[in-house]
Amino acid sequence: MEYCTFTEPQQGFSYADQLAFAQATERGGFDGFFRSDHYMRMGPGDPLPGPTDAWTTLAGLARETSRIRLGTLVSSATHRVPAILAIQVAEVDAMSNGRVELGLGTGWFEAEHRAYGIPFPQRRFDIFEEQLEVVTGLWATPVGETYSFAGEHYVLTDAPALPKPRQAQVPIIVGGGGPKRTPAIAARFATEFNIGFQPESVIAEKFATVRAACERIGRDPDTLKLSVALPTLAGGSETDLVRRAAAVGSDLAEFRGETNICGGPDEIAEKVQRLAALGADRVYFQLMDLRDAEQVDYLGAEVLPGLPR
């Protein structure tokens, strides 16, 4: 089992906040730091200091950390053309000495697109699939050869297909709850399938669906890592949990339930053990308050040692 922190910086956090959080993640013994790819706050609240770009941020963190995996959960296919995304990810992979992972999705936040003038077509799965084909095709093209692609949304002619990532294969994360196309795309392109913000019964169903999609195309389902991303509150006392819930605009009683991760070492361990029994290979602890690096320290010191590996 692997354990990562997962953050939402668009909710009002600076690069400095993210740096401190990522370094706490590394110090605490986690396997990776992941962030969303959004340019606008969701819901009410103070918009300052304003958005940070996911891949610009990860480039900085690549130079300020040494061990943890770094990636997006997930980048939006609407935000960048695929050839430029391939270059960005390859460059950050070099900056990190081969620690980057690319999470990619269709994009969903329509208001954000309107605000920044980003096209938001109603049908985005074809764009998403073509992006994955282009990015992986560029990386797989041998040095000295060129890559061409003619799709409905993207056309590349004799692209030099450079630079190459440091890793022989950059891990690609595909996630979502779609019943057909998402699992089919994950089976074809992904090294990891992620499902987020769902109760255990839904997680089990989605894991079974994507494994069946692998079998339909002749892929061994065991070659696809399965992961979950869940909102998390951790603390050594009820007072700590109430305080942390309030800091992210939540009520502790409402936060607790069959979906989220909440509590101290024993409660969290029981939840993670159930997720592992469902087939999860990696857990992303979604921590919403990036100024609370002490919560990361607590998870690392008090919770991680008791979780299955």
Protein backbone atom coordinates (compact mmCIF):
# COMPACT_ATOMS: atom_id res chain seq x y z
CA MET A 1 0.00 0.00 0.00
CA GLU A 2 1.08 3.54 -0.77
CA TYR A 3 -0.08 6.73 0.95
CA CYS A 4 -0.12 10.23 -0.54
CA THR A 5 -1.39 13.65 0.39
CA PHE A 6 -3.81 15.29 -2.04
CA THR A 7 -4.47 19.02 -1.99
CA GLU A 8 -6.75 21.65 -3.53
CA PRO A 9 -4.60 24.81 -3.75
CA GLN A 10 -7.21 26.79 -5.71
CA GLN A 11 -9.14 27.15 -2.46
CA GLY A 12 -6.80 29.92 -1.33
CA PHE A 13 -3.21 28.77 -0.94
CA SER A 14 0.10 30.08 -2.23
CA TYR A 15 3.15 28.34 -3.60
CA ALA A 16 4.79 28.84 -0.20
CA ASP A 17 1.87 27.00 1.45
CA GLN A 18 2.22 24.14 -1.00
CA LEU A 19 5.98 23.96 -0.52
CA ALA A 20 5.64 23.68 3.25
CA PHE A 21 2.95 21.03 2.82
CA ALA A 22 4.96 19.00 0.31
CA GLN A 23 8.03 19.10 2.52
CA ALA A 24 5.91 17.96 5.48
CA THR A 25 4.63 15.15 3.27
CA GLU A 26 8.18 14.06 2.52
CA ARG A 27 9.29 14.45 6.12
CA GLY A 28 6.31 12.43 7.33
CA GLY A 29 7.12 9.33 5.28
CA PHE A 30 4.35 9.59 2.70
CA ASP A 31 4.87 8.29 -0.81
CA GLY A 32 3.68 11.32 -2.75
CA PHE A 33 2.23 14.82 -2.92
CA PHE A 34 -0.55 15.44 -5.44
CA ARG A 35 -2.56 18.53 -6.27
CA SER A 36 -5.61 19.46 -8.27
CA ASP A 37 -5.41 21.38 -11.55
CA HIS A 38 -7.83 24.29 -11.15
CA TYR A 39 -7.62 28.04 -11.69
CA MET A 40 -10.60 29.19 -9.63
CA ARG A 41 -11.89 28.71 -6.11
CA MET A 42 -14.96 26.53 -5.65
CA GLY A 43 -17.61 27.93 -3.36
CA PRO A 44 -17.60 31.08 -1.22
CA GLY A 45 -14.56 32.35 0.63
CA ASP A 46 -11.51 34.56 0.29
CA PRO A 47 -10.04 34.14 -3.24
CA LEU A 48 -6.61 35.43 -2.22
CA PRO A 49 -3.81 34.82 -3.03
CA GLY A 50 -5.25 33.59 -6.33
CA PRO A 51 -4.61 30.46 -8.35
CA THR A 52 -1.36 28.66 -8.97
CA ASP A 53 -0.65 26.62 -12.09
CA ALA A 54 -0.34 22.91 -11.36
CA TRP A 55 2.67 22.11 -13.52
CA THR A 56 4.53 25.32 -12.71
CA THR A 57 4.06 24.51 -9.02
CA LEU A 58 5.18 20.91 -9.44
CA ALA A 59 8.29 22.10 -11.27
CA GLY A 60 9.21 24.18 -8.22
CA LEU A 61 8.45 21.35 -5.82
CA ALA A 62 10.57 19.00 -7.93
CA ARG A 63 13.61 21.08 -7.01
CA GLU A 64 12.62 21.44 -3.34
CA THR A 65 11.96 17.76 -2.54
CA SER A 66 14.03 14.66 -3.08
CA ARG A 67 11.98 11.49 -2.56
CA ILE A 68 8.21 11.82 -2.85
CA ARG A 69 6.23 11.27 -6.03
CA LEU A 70 4.69 14.45 -7.49
CA GLY A 71 1.65 14.71 -9.71
CA THR A 72 -1.82 15.92 -10.55
CA LEU A 73 -5.11 14.43 -9.47
CA VAL A 74 -6.07 15.32 -12.07
CA SER A 75 -5.06 17.70 -14.85
CA SER A 76 -7.86 18.79 -17.13
CA ALA A 77 -7.65 17.82 -20.79
CA THR A 78 -9.25 21.17 -21.62
CA HIS A 79 -6.44 23.24 -20.07
CA ARG A 80 -3.54 22.37 -22.39
CA VAL A 81 -2.91 20.97 -25.84
CA PRO A 82 -1.43 17.49 -25.49
CA ALA A 83 1.95 18.07 -27.12
CA ILE A 84 2.68 20.98 -24.76
CA LEU A 85 1.48 18.91 -21.80
CA ALA A 86 3.86 16.11 -22.83
CA ILE A 87 6.76 18.59 -22.87
CA GLN A 88 5.80 20.07 -19.49
CA VAL A 89 5.49 16.70 -17.78
CA ALA A 90 8.74 15.41 -19.30
CA GLU A 91 10.56 18.52 -18.13
CA VAL A 92 9.22 18.28 -14.58
CA ASP A 93 10.14 14.60 -14.60
CA ALA A 94 13.72 15.59 -15.39
CA MET A 95 13.66 18.28 -12.68
CA SER A 96 12.51 15.69 -10.13
CA ASN A 97 14.92 12.97 -11.29
CA GLY A 98 12.05 10.74 -12.36
CA ARG A 99 9.35 11.25 -9.70
CA VAL A 100 6.43 12.61 -11.74
CA GLU A 101 3.00 11.07 -12.31
CA LEU A 102 0.39 12.43 -14.72
CA GLY A 103 -3.22 12.31 -13.65
CA LEU A 104 -5.49 13.35 -16.52
CA GLY A 105 -9.25 13.77 -16.79
CA THR A 106 -11.89 15.29 -19.04
CA GLY A 107 -12.35 18.51 -17.05
CA TRP A 108 -15.66 19.44 -15.44
CA PHE A 109 -15.62 22.92 -13.85
CA GLU A 110 -17.52 24.94 -16.46
CA ALA A 111 -17.54 28.23 -14.51
CA GLU A 112 -13.75 28.14 -14.34
CA HIS A 113 -13.54 27.78 -18.10
CA ARG A 114 -15.90 30.71 -18.66
CA ALA A 115 -13.92 32.87 -16.24
CA TYR A 116 -10.61 32.31 -18.01
CA GLY A 117 -11.81 32.00 -21.59
CA ILE A 118 -10.97 28.31 -21.85
CA PRO A 119 -13.17 26.43 -24.34
CA PHE A 120 -15.49 23.97 -22.64
CA PRO A 121 -17.10 21.64 -25.19
CA GLN A 122 -20.02 19.64 -23.92
CA ARG A 123 -18.55 16.39 -25.25
CA ARG A 124 -15.04 15.95 -23.87
CA PHE A 125 -14.30 12.23 -23.74
CA ASP A 126 -13.00 12.14 -27.32
CA ILE A 127 -10.67 15.05 -26.54
CA PHE A 128 -9.49 13.27 -23.39
CA GLU A 129 -8.81 10.01 -25.23
CA GLU A 130 -6.93 11.77 -28.04
CA GLN A 131 -4.80 13.61 -25.49
CA LEU A 132 -3.75 10.35 -23.90
CA GLU A 133 -2.97 8.89 -27.29
CA VAL A 134 -0.84 11.90 -28.26
CA VAL A 135 1.03 12.20 -24.95
CA THR A 136 1.88 8.50 -24.76
CA GLY A 137 2.66 8.40 -28.48
CA LEU A 138 5.12 11.28 -28.21
CA TRP A 139 6.90 9.70 -25.25
CA ALA A 140 7.06 6.29 -26.92
CA THR A 141 8.53 7.55 -30.20
CA PRO A 142 12.22 6.54 -30.46
CA VAL A 143 14.78 9.32 -30.32
CA GLY A 144 15.62 10.41 -33.85
CA GLU A 145 12.16 9.59 -35.18
CA THR A 146 9.13 11.86 -35.50
CA TYR A 147 5.54 11.43 -34.43
CA SER A 148 2.44 12.25 -36.45
CA PHE A 149 -1.19 11.99 -35.44
CA ALA A 150 -4.43 12.80 -37.23
CA GLY A 151 -7.45 12.89 -34.96
CA GLU A 152 -10.73 14.73 -34.82
CA HIS A 153 -9.39 17.28 -32.33
CA TYR A 154 -5.60 17.26 -32.75
CA VAL A 155 -3.30 16.94 -35.74
CA LEU A 156 0.47 16.61 -35.32
CA THR A 157 2.83 16.45 -38.28
CA ASP A 158 6.40 15.23 -37.85
CA ALA A 159 6.67 16.27 -34.20
CA PRO A 160 10.22 15.73 -32.93
CA ALA A 161 8.76 13.98 -29.87
CA LEU A 162 11.25 15.57 -27.49
CA PRO A 163 12.14 15.86 -24.68
CA LYS A 164 11.76 12.40 -23.23
CA PRO A 165 10.82 11.90 -19.58
CA ARG A 166 13.48 10.63 -17.22
CA GLN A 167 11.33 7.60 -16.40
CA ALA A 168 10.98 4.87 -18.97
CA GLN A 169 7.22 5.09 -18.36
CA VAL A 170 5.62 8.03 -16.59
CA PRO A 171 2.74 6.64 -14.50
CA ILE A 172 -0.61 7.77 -15.90
CA ILE A 173 -3.61 8.05 -13.60
CA VAL A 174 -7.13 7.94 -15.02
CA GLY A 175 -10.06 8.30 -12.69
CA GLY A 176 -13.76 8.83 -12.51
CA GLY A 177 -17.05 7.13 -12.01
CA GLY A 178 -18.24 6.75 -15.58
CA PRO A 179 -19.69 3.29 -16.24
CA LYS A 180 -18.22 2.59 -19.70
CA ARG A 181 -15.76 4.99 -21.31
CA THR A 182 -13.75 5.83 -18.20
CA PRO A 183 -12.90 2.20 -17.36
CA ALA A 184 -12.23 1.44 -21.04
CA ILE A 185 -9.83 4.39 -21.34
CA ALA A 186 -8.14 3.45 -18.06
CA ALA A 187 -7.67 -0.13 -19.22
CA ARG A 188 -6.07 1.09 -22.44
CA PHE A 189 -3.80 3.89 -21.20
CA ALA A 190 -3.49 4.02 -17.42
CA THR A 191 -1.04 2.59 -14.95
CA GLU A 192 -3.46 3.58 -12.16
CA PHE A 193 -7.22 3.88 -11.87
CA ASN A 194 -8.57 6.23 -9.20
CA ILE A 195 -12.01 6.65 -7.74
CA GLY A 196 -12.67 9.48 -5.34
CA PHE A 197 -15.24 10.70 -2.83
CA GLN A 198 -17.37 7.54 -2.83
CA PRO A 199 -18.54 5.07 -0.17
CA GLU A 200 -16.97 1.65 -0.03
CA SER A 201 -19.79 -0.05 -1.89
CA VAL A 202 -19.27 2.21 -4.91
CA ILE A 203 -15.50 1.83 -4.73
CA ALA A 204 -15.86 -1.95 -4.89
CA GLU A 205 -18.19 -1.65 -7.89
CA LYS A 206 -15.85 0.70 -9.80
CA PHE A 207 -12.80 -1.47 -9.11
CA ALA A 208 -14.66 -4.50 -10.47
CA THR A 209 -15.76 -2.56 -13.55
CA VAL A 210 -12.26 -1.40 -14.49
CA ARG A 211 -10.77 -4.84 -13.90
CA ALA A 212 -13.40 -6.29 -16.25
CA ALA A 213 -12.47 -3.62 -18.82
CA CYS A 214 -8.87 -4.80 -18.64
CA GLU A 215 -9.91 -8.38 -19.21
CA ARG A 216 -11.96 -7.42 -22.28
CA ILE A 217 -8.85 -6.09 -24.05
CA GLY A 218 -6.58 -8.90 -22.88
CA ARG A 219 -4.77 -6.90 -20.20
CA ASP A 220 -3.92 -8.54 -16.90
CA PRO A 221 -6.03 -6.59 -14.35
CA ASP A 222 -3.27 -6.98 -11.79
CA THR A 223 -1.07 -4.64 -13.87
CA LEU A 224 -3.45 -1.74 -13.11
CA LYS A 225 -2.92 -0.04 -9.76
CA LEU A 226 -6.17 0.81 -7.96
CA SER A 227 -6.48 3.87 -5.74
CA VAL A 228 -8.95 5.94 -3.77
CA ALA A 229 -8.97 9.64 -2.86
CA LEU A 230 -11.00 10.59 0.20
CA PRO A 231 -11.47 13.76 2.27
CA THR A 232 -9.54 13.35 5.51
CA LEU A 233 -9.52 14.82 9.01
CA ALA A 234 -6.99 13.41 11.46
CA GLY A 235 -6.30 14.28 15.06
CA GLY A 236 -5.47 12.91 18.46
CA SER A 237 -8.57 14.31 20.15
CA GLU A 238 -12.13 15.31 19.41
CA THR A 239 -11.08 18.91 19.99
CA ASP A 240 -8.45 18.66 17.25
CA LEU A 241 -10.96 17.14 14.84
CA VAL A 242 -13.61 19.79 15.57
CA ARG A 243 -11.04 22.54 15.06
CA ARG A 244 -9.81 21.08 11.78
CA ALA A 245 -13.34 20.54 10.51
CA ALA A 246 -14.22 24.16 11.26
CA ALA A 247 -11.08 25.39 9.49
CA VAL A 248 -12.33 23.87 6.22
CA GLY A 249 -15.94 25.00 6.72
CA SER A 250 -17.27 21.63 7.80
CA ASP A 251 -19.17 20.22 10.74
CA LEU A 252 -17.45 17.19 12.27
CA ALA A 253 -20.67 15.26 12.72
CA GLU A 254 -21.52 15.76 9.06
CA PHE A 255 -17.98 14.95 7.94
CA ARG A 256 -17.99 11.59 9.68
CA GLY A 257 -19.74 8.88 7.74
CA GLU A 258 -19.23 5.93 5.45
CA THR A 259 -17.22 7.87 2.86
CA ASN A 260 -14.61 10.11 4.48
CA ILE A 261 -11.50 9.26 6.50
CA CYS A 262 -11.80 10.70 9.98
CA GLY A 263 -10.36 10.17 13.44
CA GLY A 264 -7.23 9.00 15.16
CA PRO A 265 -4.86 6.14 14.37
CA ASP A 266 -7.27 3.29 15.15
CA GLU A 267 -10.24 4.71 13.23
CA ILE A 268 -8.12 5.56 10.20
CA ALA A 269 -6.40 2.17 10.24
CA GLU A 270 -9.75 0.38 10.25
CA LYS A 271 -10.93 2.43 7.26
CA VAL A 272 -7.72 1.86 5.31
CA GLN A 273 -7.80 -1.87 6.03
CA ARG A 274 -11.30 -2.04 4.53
CA LEU A 275 -10.10 -0.13 1.46
CA ALA A 276 -7.19 -2.52 1.09
CA ALA A 277 -9.59 -5.46 1.30
CA LEU A 278 -11.54 -3.93 -1.61
CA GLY A 279 -8.35 -3.93 -3.69
CA ALA A 280 -6.91 -0.46 -3.14
CA ASP A 281 -3.15 -0.23 -3.68
CA ARG A 282 -2.86 3.48 -2.89
CA VAL A 283 -4.79 5.92 -0.68
CA TYR A 284 -4.83 9.68 -1.23
CA PHE A 285 -5.62 11.61 1.94
CA GLN A 286 -7.37 14.76 0.71
CA LEU A 287 -6.31 17.49 3.13
CA MET A 288 -8.02 20.79 2.46
CA ASP A 289 -6.14 23.15 4.80
CA LEU A 290 -2.66 23.60 3.36
CA ARG A 291 -1.68 25.88 6.22
CA ASP A 292 -2.12 23.00 8.65
CA ALA A 293 1.13 21.14 8.04
CA GLU A 294 0.80 19.87 11.62
CA GLN A 295 -1.98 17.55 10.43
CA VAL A 296 0.49 16.01 7.95
CA ASP A 297 3.03 15.64 10.76
CA TYR A 298 0.39 13.93 12.90
CA LEU A 299 -0.57 11.53 10.12
CA GLY A 300 3.06 10.71 9.46
CA ALA A 301 4.06 10.17 13.08
CA GLU A 302 0.93 8.63 14.59
CA VAL A 303 -1.11 7.10 11.76
CA LEU A 304 1.18 5.85 8.98
CA PRO A 305 3.14 3.43 11.18
CA GLY A 306 -0.08 1.50 11.87
CA LEU A 307 -1.29 1.24 8.27
CA PRO A 308 -0.81 -1.80 6.05
CA ARG A 309 2.10 -1.73 3.62
